[in-house]
N, C-alpha and C. Protein backbone atom coordinates (compact mmCIF):
# COMPACT_ATOMS: atom_id res chain seq x y z
N MET A 1 -1.67 7.24 2.90
CA MET A 1 -0.76 6.32 3.57
C MET A 1 -0.89 6.47 5.08
N VAL A 2 -0.47 5.44 5.79
CA VAL A 2 -0.54 5.40 7.25
C VAL A 2 0.85 5.05 7.77
N HIS A 3 1.28 5.76 8.81
CA HIS A 3 2.60 5.53 9.38
C HIS A 3 2.48 5.22 10.87
N ARG A 4 3.37 4.40 11.36
CA ARG A 4 3.46 4.15 12.80
C ARG A 4 4.12 5.36 13.47
N ARG A 5 3.51 5.88 14.53
CA ARG A 5 4.00 7.10 15.17
C ARG A 5 5.16 6.86 16.13
N GLU A 6 5.47 5.61 16.38
CA GLU A 6 6.55 5.29 17.31
C GLU A 6 7.87 5.22 16.58
N ILE A 7 8.86 5.92 17.11
CA ILE A 7 10.20 5.89 16.52
C ILE A 7 11.22 6.00 17.65
N ASN A 8 12.20 5.11 17.64
CA ASN A 8 13.23 5.10 18.69
C ASN A 8 12.61 5.07 20.08
N ASN A 9 11.58 4.22 20.24
CA ASN A 9 10.90 4.03 21.53
C ASN A 9 10.16 5.27 22.02
N GLU A 10 9.89 6.21 21.14
CA GLU A 10 9.12 7.40 21.49
C GLU A 10 7.89 7.47 20.59
N THR A 11 6.73 7.76 21.19
CA THR A 11 5.51 7.93 20.40
C THR A 11 5.33 9.41 20.10
N LEU A 12 5.35 9.77 18.83
CA LEU A 12 5.27 11.16 18.42
C LEU A 12 3.82 11.65 18.48
N VAL A 13 3.66 12.93 18.79
CA VAL A 13 2.39 13.61 18.66
C VAL A 13 2.54 14.56 17.48
N LEU A 14 1.78 14.31 16.41
CA LEU A 14 1.94 15.04 15.17
C LEU A 14 0.75 15.95 14.91
N GLY A 15 1.00 17.08 14.31
CA GLY A 15 -0.06 18.00 13.92
C GLY A 15 0.14 18.45 12.49
N ASN A 16 -0.91 19.03 11.91
CA ASN A 16 -0.83 19.55 10.55
C ASN A 16 0.00 20.83 10.55
N GLN A 17 1.12 20.81 9.83
CA GLN A 17 2.02 21.96 9.83
C GLN A 17 1.45 23.12 9.02
N GLY A 18 0.57 22.81 8.06
CA GLY A 18 -0.11 23.86 7.31
C GLY A 18 0.46 24.14 5.94
N ALA A 19 1.77 23.98 5.77
CA ALA A 19 2.39 24.21 4.46
C ALA A 19 2.41 22.92 3.66
N LEU A 20 2.66 23.04 2.36
CA LEU A 20 2.78 21.88 1.48
C LEU A 20 4.24 21.67 1.10
N PHE A 21 4.59 20.41 0.92
CA PHE A 21 5.89 20.05 0.37
C PHE A 21 5.64 19.10 -0.78
N GLY A 22 6.01 19.51 -2.00
CA GLY A 22 5.72 18.67 -3.15
C GLY A 22 4.23 18.49 -3.37
N ASN A 23 3.44 19.53 -3.08
CA ASN A 23 1.98 19.49 -3.26
C ASN A 23 1.31 18.47 -2.34
N ALA A 24 1.91 18.20 -1.18
CA ALA A 24 1.33 17.26 -0.23
C ALA A 24 1.50 17.79 1.19
N MET A 25 0.68 17.25 2.09
CA MET A 25 0.65 17.70 3.48
C MET A 25 1.98 17.53 4.19
N THR A 26 2.26 18.45 5.12
CA THR A 26 3.37 18.27 6.04
C THR A 26 2.84 18.29 7.47
N TRP A 27 3.56 17.58 8.36
CA TRP A 27 3.22 17.56 9.78
C TRP A 27 4.35 18.22 10.57
N TRP A 28 4.08 18.50 11.83
CA TRP A 28 5.14 18.87 12.77
C TRP A 28 4.97 18.02 14.02
N ASP A 29 6.09 17.64 14.65
CA ASP A 29 5.95 16.89 15.89
C ASP A 29 6.08 17.86 17.06
N HIS A 30 5.23 17.67 18.05
CA HIS A 30 5.07 18.64 19.13
C HIS A 30 6.32 18.80 19.99
N ARG A 31 7.12 17.76 20.12
CA ARG A 31 8.26 17.87 21.04
C ARG A 31 9.42 18.63 20.42
N THR A 32 9.74 18.36 19.15
CA THR A 32 10.93 18.99 18.57
C THR A 32 10.61 20.05 17.53
N GLY A 33 9.36 20.10 17.06
CA GLY A 33 9.01 21.07 16.01
C GLY A 33 9.50 20.67 14.63
N SER A 34 10.04 19.46 14.49
CA SER A 34 10.52 19.00 13.18
C SER A 34 9.36 18.90 12.19
N ILE A 35 9.66 19.13 10.92
CA ILE A 35 8.66 19.08 9.86
C ILE A 35 8.78 17.75 9.13
N TRP A 36 7.63 17.10 8.92
CA TRP A 36 7.59 15.76 8.30
C TRP A 36 6.79 15.81 7.02
N SER A 37 7.28 15.11 5.99
CA SER A 37 6.55 14.94 4.74
C SER A 37 5.60 13.76 4.86
N GLN A 38 4.32 13.99 4.55
CA GLN A 38 3.35 12.90 4.66
C GLN A 38 3.65 11.73 3.71
N PRO A 39 3.85 11.95 2.40
CA PRO A 39 4.09 10.79 1.52
C PRO A 39 5.36 10.02 1.89
N LEU A 40 6.41 10.75 2.29
CA LEU A 40 7.66 10.08 2.61
C LEU A 40 7.67 9.50 4.02
N GLY A 41 6.85 10.07 4.92
CA GLY A 41 6.92 9.66 6.32
C GLY A 41 8.27 9.98 6.92
N GLU A 42 8.90 11.04 6.42
CA GLU A 42 10.28 11.37 6.80
C GLU A 42 10.36 12.82 7.24
N ALA A 43 11.16 13.08 8.27
CA ALA A 43 11.40 14.46 8.71
C ALA A 43 12.29 15.16 7.70
N ILE A 44 11.83 16.29 7.19
CA ILE A 44 12.58 17.01 6.15
C ILE A 44 13.24 18.28 6.67
N ALA A 45 12.95 18.66 7.91
CA ALA A 45 13.57 19.83 8.53
C ALA A 45 13.48 19.70 10.04
N GLY A 46 14.43 20.32 10.75
CA GLY A 46 14.40 20.30 12.20
C GLY A 46 15.32 19.24 12.80
N PRO A 47 15.29 19.12 14.14
CA PRO A 47 16.21 18.20 14.82
C PRO A 47 16.09 16.74 14.38
N ARG A 48 14.91 16.34 13.91
CA ARG A 48 14.71 14.94 13.51
C ARG A 48 14.95 14.71 12.02
N LYS A 49 15.46 15.68 11.31
CA LYS A 49 15.64 15.55 9.86
C LYS A 49 16.34 14.24 9.52
N GLY A 50 15.75 13.50 8.58
CA GLY A 50 16.29 12.21 8.15
C GLY A 50 15.66 11.03 8.84
N ASP A 51 15.00 11.25 10.00
CA ASP A 51 14.28 10.15 10.65
C ASP A 51 13.08 9.75 9.79
N ARG A 52 12.73 8.47 9.83
CA ARG A 52 11.66 7.98 8.96
C ARG A 52 10.73 7.07 9.75
N LEU A 53 9.42 7.26 9.55
CA LEU A 53 8.41 6.45 10.19
C LEU A 53 8.14 5.20 9.37
N GLU A 54 7.73 4.14 10.05
CA GLU A 54 7.41 2.87 9.37
C GLU A 54 6.06 2.97 8.66
N ASN A 55 6.02 2.54 7.40
CA ASN A 55 4.76 2.46 6.66
C ASN A 55 3.94 1.28 7.15
N LEU A 56 2.62 1.44 7.18
CA LEU A 56 1.71 0.36 7.50
C LEU A 56 0.80 0.09 6.31
N PRO A 57 0.33 -1.16 6.15
CA PRO A 57 -0.59 -1.45 5.04
C PRO A 57 -1.85 -0.59 5.13
N VAL A 58 -2.31 -0.10 4.00
CA VAL A 58 -3.47 0.80 3.97
C VAL A 58 -4.15 0.65 2.61
N GLU A 59 -5.43 1.00 2.53
CA GLU A 59 -6.16 0.96 1.27
C GLU A 59 -6.87 2.28 1.03
N PHE A 60 -6.90 2.73 -0.22
CA PHE A 60 -7.80 3.77 -0.67
C PHE A 60 -8.91 3.07 -1.43
N THR A 61 -10.11 3.14 -0.91
CA THR A 61 -11.22 2.40 -1.52
C THR A 61 -12.53 3.07 -1.13
N THR A 62 -13.63 2.50 -1.54
CA THR A 62 -14.93 3.03 -1.14
C THR A 62 -15.33 2.42 0.20
N TRP A 63 -16.21 3.11 0.93
CA TRP A 63 -16.68 2.60 2.21
C TRP A 63 -17.45 1.29 2.01
N GLY A 64 -18.25 1.23 0.94
CA GLY A 64 -19.00 0.02 0.67
C GLY A 64 -18.10 -1.18 0.42
N ALA A 65 -17.03 -0.97 -0.36
CA ALA A 65 -16.09 -2.06 -0.64
C ALA A 65 -15.37 -2.48 0.64
N TRP A 66 -15.02 -1.52 1.48
CA TRP A 66 -14.35 -1.87 2.73
C TRP A 66 -15.27 -2.69 3.63
N GLN A 67 -16.54 -2.27 3.74
CA GLN A 67 -17.48 -2.99 4.60
C GLN A 67 -17.70 -4.43 4.14
N GLU A 68 -17.70 -4.64 2.82
CA GLU A 68 -17.86 -6.00 2.31
C GLU A 68 -16.77 -6.93 2.84
N ALA A 69 -15.54 -6.42 2.89
CA ALA A 69 -14.42 -7.25 3.30
C ALA A 69 -14.20 -7.23 4.80
N HIS A 70 -14.66 -6.18 5.48
CA HIS A 70 -14.39 -6.02 6.91
C HIS A 70 -15.68 -5.56 7.59
N ALA A 71 -16.63 -6.46 7.68
CA ALA A 71 -17.97 -6.10 8.14
C ALA A 71 -18.00 -5.64 9.60
N ASP A 72 -16.99 -6.01 10.40
CA ASP A 72 -17.01 -5.66 11.82
C ASP A 72 -16.28 -4.35 12.11
N THR A 73 -15.97 -3.56 11.07
CA THR A 73 -15.23 -2.32 11.26
C THR A 73 -16.05 -1.29 12.04
N LEU A 74 -15.39 -0.61 12.98
CA LEU A 74 -15.95 0.56 13.64
C LEU A 74 -15.32 1.80 13.03
N ALA A 75 -16.12 2.82 12.74
CA ALA A 75 -15.60 4.02 12.10
C ALA A 75 -16.15 5.25 12.79
N LEU A 76 -15.41 6.34 12.73
CA LEU A 76 -15.86 7.62 13.27
C LEU A 76 -17.05 8.11 12.46
N ASP A 77 -18.15 8.41 13.15
CA ASP A 77 -19.36 8.90 12.48
C ASP A 77 -19.28 10.43 12.42
N ALA A 78 -18.76 10.93 11.33
CA ALA A 78 -18.59 12.37 11.17
C ALA A 78 -19.11 12.79 9.81
N VAL A 79 -19.64 13.99 9.75
CA VAL A 79 -20.17 14.51 8.49
C VAL A 79 -19.00 14.78 7.54
N GLY A 80 -19.10 14.27 6.35
CA GLY A 80 -18.06 14.49 5.37
C GLY A 80 -18.64 14.79 4.01
N LYS A 81 -17.76 15.12 3.08
CA LYS A 81 -18.18 15.42 1.72
C LYS A 81 -17.76 14.27 0.81
N PRO A 82 -18.50 14.05 -0.27
CA PRO A 82 -18.08 13.00 -1.22
C PRO A 82 -16.67 13.28 -1.74
N SER A 83 -15.90 12.22 -1.90
CA SER A 83 -14.54 12.37 -2.41
C SER A 83 -14.56 12.84 -3.85
N ARG A 84 -13.61 13.70 -4.18
CA ARG A 84 -13.45 14.16 -5.56
C ARG A 84 -12.56 13.22 -6.37
N PHE A 85 -12.06 12.18 -5.72
CA PHE A 85 -11.09 11.31 -6.37
C PHE A 85 -11.68 9.93 -6.63
N ALA A 86 -11.19 9.30 -7.67
CA ALA A 86 -11.57 7.92 -8.02
C ALA A 86 -10.31 7.06 -7.98
N LEU A 87 -10.46 5.82 -7.55
CA LEU A 87 -9.32 4.94 -7.42
C LEU A 87 -8.53 4.82 -8.71
N ARG A 88 -9.21 4.81 -9.84
CA ARG A 88 -8.53 4.63 -11.13
C ARG A 88 -7.56 5.76 -11.47
N GLU A 89 -7.61 6.86 -10.74
CA GLU A 89 -6.73 7.99 -11.00
C GLU A 89 -5.36 7.82 -10.35
N PHE A 90 -5.17 6.76 -9.55
CA PHE A 90 -3.99 6.66 -8.70
C PHE A 90 -3.00 5.61 -9.16
N LEU A 91 -1.79 5.72 -8.60
CA LEU A 91 -0.82 4.64 -8.62
C LEU A 91 -0.88 3.92 -7.27
N ILE A 92 -0.62 2.63 -7.29
CA ILE A 92 -0.35 1.88 -6.06
C ILE A 92 1.17 1.84 -5.91
N VAL A 93 1.66 2.22 -4.74
CA VAL A 93 3.10 2.40 -4.53
C VAL A 93 3.59 1.51 -3.40
N LEU A 94 4.78 0.93 -3.58
CA LEU A 94 5.49 0.22 -2.53
C LEU A 94 6.84 0.90 -2.38
N ASP A 95 7.08 1.49 -1.21
CA ASP A 95 8.28 2.29 -0.97
C ASP A 95 9.23 1.54 -0.07
N GLY A 96 10.29 1.00 -0.63
CA GLY A 96 11.27 0.26 0.15
C GLY A 96 12.41 1.16 0.58
N ASP A 97 13.39 0.57 1.26
CA ASP A 97 14.54 1.35 1.71
C ASP A 97 15.42 1.77 0.55
N ARG A 98 15.49 0.94 -0.49
CA ARG A 98 16.40 1.22 -1.61
C ARG A 98 15.69 1.33 -2.95
N GLU A 99 14.43 0.97 -3.01
CA GLU A 99 13.70 0.98 -4.29
C GLU A 99 12.22 1.28 -4.05
N THR A 100 11.68 2.12 -4.92
CA THR A 100 10.24 2.44 -4.86
C THR A 100 9.63 2.09 -6.21
N ARG A 101 8.47 1.44 -6.17
CA ARG A 101 7.83 0.94 -7.38
C ARG A 101 6.38 1.38 -7.39
N GLY A 102 5.88 1.77 -8.56
CA GLY A 102 4.49 2.15 -8.70
C GLY A 102 3.81 1.34 -9.80
N TRP A 103 2.52 1.08 -9.61
CA TRP A 103 1.70 0.36 -10.59
C TRP A 103 0.41 1.16 -10.77
N SER A 104 0.02 1.44 -12.00
CA SER A 104 -1.21 2.20 -12.20
C SER A 104 -2.41 1.31 -11.88
N VAL A 105 -3.40 1.89 -11.21
CA VAL A 105 -4.58 1.12 -10.83
C VAL A 105 -5.26 0.52 -12.07
N PRO A 106 -5.43 1.26 -13.19
CA PRO A 106 -6.03 0.61 -14.36
C PRO A 106 -5.25 -0.62 -14.84
N ASP A 107 -3.91 -0.57 -14.78
CA ASP A 107 -3.11 -1.75 -15.16
C ASP A 107 -3.40 -2.92 -14.23
N VAL A 108 -3.47 -2.65 -12.93
CA VAL A 108 -3.72 -3.71 -11.96
C VAL A 108 -5.11 -4.29 -12.16
N GLN A 109 -6.10 -3.43 -12.40
CA GLN A 109 -7.46 -3.90 -12.62
C GLN A 109 -7.55 -4.75 -13.89
N THR A 110 -6.82 -4.36 -14.92
CA THR A 110 -6.83 -5.11 -16.18
C THR A 110 -6.13 -6.46 -16.03
N GLN A 111 -4.98 -6.46 -15.37
CA GLN A 111 -4.19 -7.68 -15.22
C GLN A 111 -4.78 -8.63 -14.17
N GLY A 112 -5.44 -8.06 -13.18
CA GLY A 112 -5.94 -8.87 -12.07
C GLY A 112 -4.89 -9.05 -11.00
N ALA A 113 -3.76 -9.62 -11.37
CA ALA A 113 -2.62 -9.78 -10.46
C ALA A 113 -1.34 -9.53 -11.26
N ILE A 114 -0.50 -8.64 -10.76
CA ILE A 114 0.78 -8.35 -11.39
C ILE A 114 1.88 -8.93 -10.50
N ASN A 115 2.64 -9.88 -11.04
CA ASN A 115 3.78 -10.45 -10.33
C ASN A 115 5.02 -9.61 -10.65
N ASP A 116 5.69 -9.16 -9.61
CA ASP A 116 6.81 -8.24 -9.80
C ASP A 116 7.85 -8.54 -8.74
N VAL A 117 8.98 -7.81 -8.81
CA VAL A 117 10.05 -7.94 -7.82
C VAL A 117 10.47 -6.53 -7.42
N VAL A 118 10.51 -6.25 -6.12
CA VAL A 118 10.94 -4.95 -5.59
C VAL A 118 12.01 -5.21 -4.55
N GLU A 119 13.18 -4.60 -4.74
CA GLU A 119 14.33 -4.80 -3.84
C GLU A 119 14.66 -6.27 -3.67
N GLY A 120 14.52 -7.04 -4.74
CA GLY A 120 14.80 -8.46 -4.69
C GLY A 120 13.70 -9.28 -4.04
N GLN A 121 12.62 -8.63 -3.62
CA GLN A 121 11.52 -9.34 -2.97
C GLN A 121 10.39 -9.58 -3.97
N PRO A 122 10.01 -10.83 -4.22
CA PRO A 122 8.88 -11.10 -5.11
C PRO A 122 7.58 -10.59 -4.48
N VAL A 123 6.84 -9.78 -5.23
CA VAL A 123 5.59 -9.21 -4.74
C VAL A 123 4.49 -9.42 -5.78
N ALA A 124 3.25 -9.28 -5.33
CA ALA A 124 2.11 -9.31 -6.24
C ALA A 124 1.19 -8.16 -5.88
N VAL A 125 0.76 -7.42 -6.90
CA VAL A 125 -0.21 -6.35 -6.72
C VAL A 125 -1.52 -6.85 -7.31
N VAL A 126 -2.57 -6.85 -6.50
CA VAL A 126 -3.78 -7.59 -6.83
C VAL A 126 -5.00 -6.69 -6.78
N SER A 127 -5.84 -6.80 -7.79
CA SER A 127 -7.17 -6.20 -7.77
C SER A 127 -8.16 -7.29 -7.41
N ASP A 128 -8.99 -7.03 -6.40
CA ASP A 128 -9.96 -8.02 -5.96
C ASP A 128 -10.90 -8.36 -7.12
N PRO A 129 -10.97 -9.62 -7.56
CA PRO A 129 -11.86 -9.98 -8.67
C PRO A 129 -13.33 -9.81 -8.34
N ASN A 130 -13.66 -9.69 -7.06
CA ASN A 130 -15.06 -9.51 -6.67
C ASN A 130 -15.47 -8.04 -6.60
N ASN A 131 -14.48 -7.15 -6.52
CA ASN A 131 -14.78 -5.73 -6.41
C ASN A 131 -13.54 -4.94 -6.80
N ASP A 132 -13.57 -4.29 -7.95
CA ASP A 132 -12.36 -3.62 -8.44
C ASP A 132 -12.04 -2.34 -7.68
N GLN A 133 -12.79 -2.05 -6.63
CA GLN A 133 -12.45 -0.93 -5.76
C GLN A 133 -11.57 -1.37 -4.59
N ARG A 134 -11.17 -2.63 -4.57
CA ARG A 134 -10.28 -3.14 -3.52
C ARG A 134 -9.00 -3.66 -4.15
N TRP A 135 -7.91 -3.45 -3.47
CA TRP A 135 -6.62 -3.92 -3.98
C TRP A 135 -5.74 -4.30 -2.78
N SER A 136 -4.69 -5.07 -3.04
CA SER A 136 -3.74 -5.47 -2.01
C SER A 136 -2.37 -5.65 -2.64
N VAL A 137 -1.33 -5.48 -1.83
CA VAL A 137 0.04 -5.80 -2.23
C VAL A 137 0.54 -6.90 -1.30
N PHE A 138 0.94 -8.02 -1.87
CA PHE A 138 1.37 -9.18 -1.09
C PHE A 138 2.82 -9.54 -1.41
N SER A 139 3.50 -10.11 -0.42
CA SER A 139 4.75 -10.82 -0.69
C SER A 139 4.40 -12.15 -1.36
N ARG A 140 5.20 -12.55 -2.36
CA ARG A 140 4.97 -13.84 -3.02
C ARG A 140 5.83 -14.96 -2.43
N THR A 141 6.56 -14.64 -1.36
CA THR A 141 7.35 -15.66 -0.68
C THR A 141 6.48 -16.32 0.38
N VAL A 142 6.26 -17.60 0.22
CA VAL A 142 5.44 -18.38 1.15
C VAL A 142 6.29 -19.53 1.67
N GLY A 143 6.71 -19.42 2.93
CA GLY A 143 7.62 -20.44 3.45
C GLY A 143 8.93 -20.40 2.69
N ASP A 144 9.31 -21.52 2.09
CA ASP A 144 10.57 -21.60 1.36
C ASP A 144 10.35 -21.58 -0.15
N ARG A 145 9.17 -21.16 -0.62
CA ARG A 145 8.89 -21.13 -2.05
C ARG A 145 8.36 -19.76 -2.45
N VAL A 146 8.42 -19.49 -3.76
CA VAL A 146 7.86 -18.27 -4.32
C VAL A 146 6.69 -18.65 -5.21
N VAL A 147 5.54 -18.04 -4.96
CA VAL A 147 4.35 -18.35 -5.75
C VAL A 147 4.23 -17.39 -6.93
N GLU A 148 3.52 -17.83 -7.95
CA GLU A 148 3.22 -17.03 -9.15
C GLU A 148 1.71 -16.93 -9.21
N LEU A 149 1.18 -15.73 -9.01
CA LEU A 149 -0.24 -15.57 -8.78
C LEU A 149 -0.99 -15.05 -10.00
N GLU A 150 -2.23 -15.53 -10.13
CA GLU A 150 -3.16 -15.02 -11.12
C GLU A 150 -4.56 -15.03 -10.50
N THR A 151 -5.46 -14.21 -11.03
CA THR A 151 -6.83 -14.26 -10.55
C THR A 151 -7.55 -15.40 -11.27
N ASP A 152 -8.36 -16.13 -10.52
CA ASP A 152 -9.08 -17.28 -11.06
C ASP A 152 -10.46 -17.27 -10.41
N GLY A 153 -11.45 -16.75 -11.14
CA GLY A 153 -12.77 -16.58 -10.53
C GLY A 153 -12.70 -15.57 -9.42
N ASP A 154 -13.09 -15.98 -8.21
CA ASP A 154 -13.09 -15.04 -7.09
C ASP A 154 -11.91 -15.25 -6.16
N VAL A 155 -10.86 -15.95 -6.62
CA VAL A 155 -9.70 -16.21 -5.77
C VAL A 155 -8.41 -15.89 -6.52
N LEU A 156 -7.31 -15.88 -5.76
CA LEU A 156 -5.97 -15.87 -6.34
C LEU A 156 -5.49 -17.31 -6.43
N ARG A 157 -4.85 -17.66 -7.54
CA ARG A 157 -4.35 -19.03 -7.71
C ARG A 157 -2.86 -18.99 -7.97
N ASP A 158 -2.13 -19.84 -7.27
CA ASP A 158 -0.72 -20.03 -7.53
C ASP A 158 -0.58 -20.94 -8.74
N ILE A 159 0.00 -20.43 -9.81
CA ILE A 159 0.13 -21.18 -11.05
C ILE A 159 0.97 -22.45 -10.84
N LEU A 160 1.92 -22.40 -9.90
CA LEU A 160 2.88 -23.50 -9.73
C LEU A 160 2.30 -24.67 -8.96
N THR A 161 1.46 -24.40 -7.95
CA THR A 161 0.94 -25.49 -7.11
C THR A 161 -0.57 -25.67 -7.23
N GLY A 162 -1.26 -24.70 -7.84
CA GLY A 162 -2.72 -24.75 -7.91
C GLY A 162 -3.39 -24.29 -6.63
N SER A 163 -2.63 -23.94 -5.61
CA SER A 163 -3.20 -23.46 -4.36
C SER A 163 -3.94 -22.14 -4.59
N THR A 164 -5.00 -21.90 -3.82
CA THR A 164 -5.75 -20.66 -3.96
C THR A 164 -5.71 -19.87 -2.66
N PHE A 165 -5.84 -18.55 -2.80
CA PHE A 165 -5.76 -17.62 -1.67
C PHE A 165 -6.87 -16.59 -1.77
N ASP A 166 -7.27 -16.08 -0.61
CA ASP A 166 -8.22 -14.98 -0.57
C ASP A 166 -7.53 -13.72 -1.13
N PRO A 167 -8.16 -13.01 -2.09
CA PRO A 167 -7.50 -11.88 -2.74
C PRO A 167 -7.43 -10.61 -1.90
N VAL A 168 -8.15 -10.58 -0.77
CA VAL A 168 -8.15 -9.39 0.08
C VAL A 168 -7.24 -9.58 1.29
N ARG A 169 -7.38 -10.73 1.95
CA ARG A 169 -6.62 -10.96 3.19
C ARG A 169 -5.45 -11.92 3.01
N GLY A 170 -5.41 -12.63 1.91
CA GLY A 170 -4.25 -13.45 1.60
C GLY A 170 -4.19 -14.82 2.24
N PHE A 171 -5.20 -15.23 2.99
CA PHE A 171 -5.12 -16.55 3.63
C PHE A 171 -5.41 -17.65 2.61
N GLY A 172 -4.81 -18.83 2.85
CA GLY A 172 -4.99 -19.96 1.94
C GLY A 172 -6.41 -20.48 1.97
N ARG A 173 -6.92 -20.86 0.79
CA ARG A 173 -8.28 -21.40 0.69
C ARG A 173 -8.29 -22.87 0.30
N SER A 174 -7.33 -23.28 -0.52
CA SER A 174 -7.31 -24.68 -0.96
C SER A 174 -5.93 -25.03 -1.49
N GLY A 175 -5.68 -26.33 -1.66
CA GLY A 175 -4.44 -26.79 -2.28
C GLY A 175 -3.33 -27.05 -1.28
N PRO A 176 -2.14 -27.37 -1.78
CA PRO A 176 -1.02 -27.71 -0.92
C PRO A 176 -0.63 -26.60 0.06
N LEU A 177 -0.96 -25.33 -0.27
CA LEU A 177 -0.59 -24.21 0.60
C LEU A 177 -1.78 -23.70 1.40
N LEU A 178 -2.75 -24.59 1.63
CA LEU A 178 -3.98 -24.22 2.35
C LEU A 178 -3.67 -23.58 3.70
N ASP A 179 -2.67 -24.08 4.41
CA ASP A 179 -2.38 -23.60 5.76
C ASP A 179 -1.45 -22.38 5.77
N GLU A 180 -1.11 -21.87 4.60
CA GLU A 180 -0.21 -20.72 4.50
C GLU A 180 -1.02 -19.45 4.20
N SER A 181 -0.38 -18.30 4.44
CA SER A 181 -0.99 -17.01 4.11
C SER A 181 0.02 -16.12 3.40
N LEU A 182 -0.47 -15.30 2.51
CA LEU A 182 0.37 -14.30 1.86
C LEU A 182 0.54 -13.12 2.80
N GLU A 183 1.77 -12.64 2.94
CA GLU A 183 2.02 -11.49 3.82
C GLU A 183 1.57 -10.20 3.13
N LEU A 184 0.74 -9.41 3.81
CA LEU A 184 0.29 -8.13 3.28
C LEU A 184 1.40 -7.10 3.45
N LEU A 185 1.74 -6.39 2.38
CA LEU A 185 2.81 -5.40 2.40
C LEU A 185 2.22 -3.99 2.45
N PRO A 186 3.01 -3.01 2.93
CA PRO A 186 2.48 -1.65 3.14
C PRO A 186 2.41 -0.81 1.87
N GLY A 187 1.58 -1.23 0.92
CA GLY A 187 1.34 -0.41 -0.25
C GLY A 187 0.43 0.76 0.08
N PHE A 188 0.47 1.79 -0.74
CA PHE A 188 -0.40 2.94 -0.57
C PHE A 188 -0.63 3.58 -1.93
N THR A 189 -1.51 4.57 -2.01
CA THR A 189 -1.81 5.21 -3.28
C THR A 189 -1.17 6.59 -3.38
N SER A 190 -0.85 6.99 -4.60
CA SER A 190 -0.26 8.30 -4.86
C SER A 190 -0.75 8.79 -6.21
N PHE A 191 -0.85 10.12 -6.34
CA PHE A 191 -1.14 10.68 -7.66
C PHE A 191 0.03 10.42 -8.59
N PRO A 192 -0.21 10.00 -9.84
CA PRO A 192 0.90 9.74 -10.76
C PRO A 192 1.82 10.95 -10.95
N GLU A 193 1.24 12.15 -10.97
CA GLU A 193 2.06 13.34 -11.21
C GLU A 193 2.97 13.67 -10.03
N ASP A 194 2.73 13.08 -8.86
CA ASP A 194 3.58 13.33 -7.70
C ASP A 194 4.68 12.30 -7.53
N PHE A 195 4.62 11.22 -8.29
CA PHE A 195 5.55 10.11 -8.06
C PHE A 195 7.00 10.57 -8.22
N ASP A 196 7.33 11.27 -9.30
CA ASP A 196 8.71 11.68 -9.53
C ASP A 196 9.18 12.72 -8.52
N THR A 197 8.24 13.47 -7.95
CA THR A 197 8.61 14.48 -6.95
C THR A 197 9.16 13.82 -5.70
N PHE A 198 8.49 12.78 -5.23
CA PHE A 198 8.89 12.16 -3.98
C PHE A 198 9.84 10.99 -4.16
N TRP A 199 9.76 10.31 -5.29
CA TRP A 199 10.61 9.13 -5.51
C TRP A 199 11.27 9.26 -6.89
N PRO A 200 12.18 10.23 -7.04
CA PRO A 200 12.78 10.48 -8.37
C PRO A 200 13.53 9.29 -8.95
N ASP A 201 14.00 8.40 -8.09
CA ASP A 201 14.71 7.22 -8.57
C ASP A 201 13.79 6.00 -8.67
N GLY A 202 12.50 6.19 -8.38
CA GLY A 202 11.55 5.09 -8.45
C GLY A 202 11.20 4.73 -9.88
N THR A 203 10.53 3.60 -10.04
CA THR A 203 10.11 3.14 -11.37
C THR A 203 8.63 2.78 -11.34
N ILE A 204 7.99 2.94 -12.48
CA ILE A 204 6.58 2.59 -12.63
C ILE A 204 6.48 1.40 -13.59
N TRP A 205 5.71 0.38 -13.18
CA TRP A 205 5.53 -0.83 -13.99
C TRP A 205 4.77 -0.48 -15.27
N PRO A 206 5.11 -1.11 -16.41
CA PRO A 206 6.26 -2.00 -16.61
C PRO A 206 7.55 -1.23 -16.78
N ALA A 207 8.62 -1.67 -16.15
CA ALA A 207 9.89 -0.98 -16.23
C ALA A 207 10.51 -1.21 -17.59
N SER A 208 11.26 -0.22 -18.07
CA SER A 208 11.96 -0.38 -19.35
C SER A 208 13.16 -1.27 -19.15
């Protein structure tokens, strides 16, 4: 996950605190020494306890899949090791102020597009039909209407209007909603076994 470092008009300088909380990284901010949980983006100890950073949209994917969709990307050229993780091992998570929802990547890949509602907001979790190593979480509210999305060939199609959208960036491709775009939401990935640790009141699709 990726968080905005600015909070209350202050830009934080964060470092690796070294300890784990819930089997995940913690940070410390240089000015106050407060300890922050990486998955929550929230200060869990110190003067800033309870403060929370804003989530930003992010993807866990392969470099090749990212380059296909974002060919003009600049990246740090550093020696690294192959990842031990595969996308299919994860949940895609949307963490709201009052509700957190998870969807298993295999379910999303099988369904193509899952239409759901989180905190009263219609959302869609989408696996790119052109490359199952890419995914996105979109708002389904477009202007004054709510779309119902499905994958159709290499695009997303609104069942109600027949309009089509790009499955990665969400911009309109054809139909009555050609000039509209789906809003990208700040989804991120999490290990399924960690979901209850950080979001004990959260739910995983399909909900009972």
